[in-house]
Amino acid sequence: MNSAKLLRYSMQLSMLKQLRSLKLISEAEYQLVEKKLKKDYGVISNITA
Protein backbone atom coordinates (compact mmCIF):
# COMPACT_ATOMS: atom_id res chain seq x y z
CA MET A 1 0.00 0.00 0.00
CA ASN A 2 1.45 3.36 -0.95
CA SER A 3 1.81 6.11 1.63
CA ALA A 4 -1.01 8.30 0.28
CA LYS A 5 -3.46 5.40 0.40
CA LEU A 6 -2.30 4.44 3.89
CA LEU A 7 -2.73 8.03 5.09
CA ARG A 8 -6.24 8.22 3.63
CA TYR A 9 -7.19 4.92 5.31
CA SER A 10 -5.74 6.08 8.65
CA MET A 11 -7.64 9.36 8.52
CA GLN A 12 -10.93 7.64 7.75
CA LEU A 13 -10.39 5.12 10.52
CA SER A 14 -9.56 7.92 12.96
CA MET A 15 -12.76 9.79 12.10
CA LEU A 16 -14.74 6.57 12.46
CA LYS A 17 -13.28 6.02 15.93
CA GLN A 18 -14.24 9.58 16.90
CA LEU A 19 -17.84 8.97 15.83
CA ARG A 20 -17.92 5.84 17.98
CA SER A 21 -16.34 7.52 21.00
CA LEU A 22 -18.86 10.38 20.79
CA LYS A 23 -21.63 7.75 20.59
CA LEU A 24 -22.83 9.10 17.25
CA ILE A 25 -22.69 5.57 15.83
CA SER A 26 -23.19 2.20 17.50
CA GLU A 27 -20.54 -0.48 17.89
CA ALA A 28 -22.29 -2.53 15.21
CA GLU A 29 -22.20 0.40 12.78
CA TYR A 30 -18.53 0.98 13.62
CA GLN A 31 -17.63 -2.64 12.89
CA LEU A 32 -19.59 -2.61 9.63
CA VAL A 33 -17.84 0.51 8.34
CA GLU A 34 -14.43 -0.67 9.58
CA LYS A 35 -14.86 -3.95 7.71
CA LYS A 36 -15.79 -2.04 4.53
CA LEU A 37 -12.77 0.26 4.88
CA LYS A 38 -10.45 -2.73 5.32
CA LYS A 39 -11.88 -4.34 2.20
CA ASP A 40 -11.68 -1.13 0.16
CA TYR A 41 -8.07 -0.46 1.16
CA GLY A 42 -6.88 -4.06 1.17
CA VAL A 43 -6.04 -4.08 4.88
CA ILE A 44 -5.83 -7.57 6.32
CA SER A 45 -5.40 -6.93 10.03
CA ASN A 46 -5.60 -4.02 12.42
CA ILE A 47 -2.26 -3.65 14.18
CA THR A 48 -3.52 -0.72 16.26
CA ALA A 49 -6.21 -2.75 18.04
C-alpha atoms as a PDB file:
ATOM      1  CA  MET A   1       0.000   0.000   0.000  1.00  0.00           C
ATOM      2  CA  ASN A   2       1.452   3.363  -0.945  1.00  0.00           C
ATOM      3  CA  SER A   3       1.812   6.112   1.633  1.00  0.00           C
ATOM      4  CA  ALA A   4      -1.013   8.305   0.278  1.00  0.00           C
ATOM      5  CA  LYS A   5      -3.456   5.403   0.397  1.00  0.00           C
ATOM      6  CA  LEU A   6      -2.302   4.445   3.894  1.00  0.00           C
ATOM      7  CA  LEU A   7      -2.732   8.034   5.087  1.00  0.00           C
ATOM      8  CA  ARG A   8      -6.244   8.219   3.629  1.00  0.00           C
ATOM      9  CA  TYR A   9      -7.194   4.917   5.314  1.00  0.00           C
ATOM     10  CA  SER A  10      -5.737   6.079   8.646  1.00  0.00           C
ATOM     11  CA  MET A  11      -7.642   9.361   8.521  1.00  0.00           C
ATOM     12  CA  GLN A  12     -10.928   7.641   7.750  1.00  0.00           C
ATOM     13  CA  LEU A  13     -10.390   5.117  10.520  1.00  0.00           C
ATOM     14  CA  SER A  14      -9.561   7.915  12.959  1.00  0.00           C
ATOM     15  CA  MET A  15     -12.763   9.790  12.097  1.00  0.00           C
ATOM     16  CA  LEU A  16     -14.743   6.571  12.457  1.00  0.00           C
ATOM     17  CA  LYS A  17     -13.284   6.024  15.931  1.00  0.00           C
ATOM     18  CA  GLN A  18     -14.239   9.578  16.904  1.00  0.00           C
ATOM     19  CA  LEU A  19     -17.837   8.972  15.828  1.00  0.00           C
ATOM     20  CA  ARG A  20     -17.923   5.843  17.976  1.00  0.00           C
ATOM     21  CA  SER A  21     -16.345   7.521  21.000  1.00  0.00           C
ATOM     22  CA  LEU A  22     -18.863  10.378  20.789  1.00  0.00           C
ATOM     23  CA  LYS A  23     -21.634   7.750  20.589  1.00  0.00           C
ATOM     24  CA  LEU A  24     -22.826   9.102  17.246  1.00  0.00           C
ATOM     25  CA  ILE A  25     -22.693   5.566  15.827  1.00  0.00           C
ATOM     26  CA  SER A  26     -23.191   2.205  17.495  1.00  0.00           C
ATOM     27  CA  GLU A  27     -20.544  -0.484  17.892  1.00  0.00           C
ATOM     28  CA  ALA A  28     -22.293  -2.532  15.209  1.00  0.00           C
ATOM     29  CA  GLU A  29     -22.197   0.405  12.777  1.00  0.00           C
ATOM     30  CA  TYR A  30     -18.530   0.977  13.620  1.00  0.00           C
ATOM     31  CA  GLN A  31     -17.630  -2.638  12.893  1.00  0.00           C
ATOM     32  CA  LEU A  32     -19.587  -2.615   9.632  1.00  0.00           C
ATOM     33  CA  VAL A  33     -17.839   0.510   8.335  1.00  0.00           C
ATOM     34  CA  GLU A  34     -14.426  -0.666   9.582  1.00  0.00           C
ATOM     35  CA  LYS A  35     -14.864  -3.951   7.714  1.00  0.00           C
ATOM     36  CA  LYS A  36     -15.787  -2.044   4.527  1.00  0.00           C
ATOM     37  CA  LEU A  37     -12.765   0.259   4.878  1.00  0.00           C
ATOM     38  CA  LYS A  38     -10.451  -2.729   5.317  1.00  0.00           C
ATOM     39  CA  LYS A  39     -11.885  -4.344   2.202  1.00  0.00           C
ATOM     40  CA  ASP A  40     -11.682  -1.133   0.157  1.00  0.00           C
ATOM     41  CA  TYR A  41      -8.074  -0.456   1.164  1.00  0.00           C
ATOM     42  CA  GLY A  42      -6.878  -4.062   1.169  1.00  0.00           C
ATOM     43  CA  VAL A  43      -6.044  -4.080   4.878  1.00  0.00           C
ATOM     44  CA  ILE A  44      -5.832  -7.570   6.322  1.00  0.00           C
ATOM     45  CA  SER A  45      -5.396  -6.931  10.033  1.00  0.00           C
ATOM     46  CA  ASN A  46      -5.605  -4.018  12.420  1.00  0.00           C
ATOM     47  CA  ILE A  47      -2.260  -3.651  14.176  1.00  0.00           C
ATOM     48  CA  THR A  48      -3.522  -0.717  16.261  1.00  0.00           C
ATOM     49  CA  ALA A  49      -6.211  -2.753  18.041  1.00  0.00           C
END
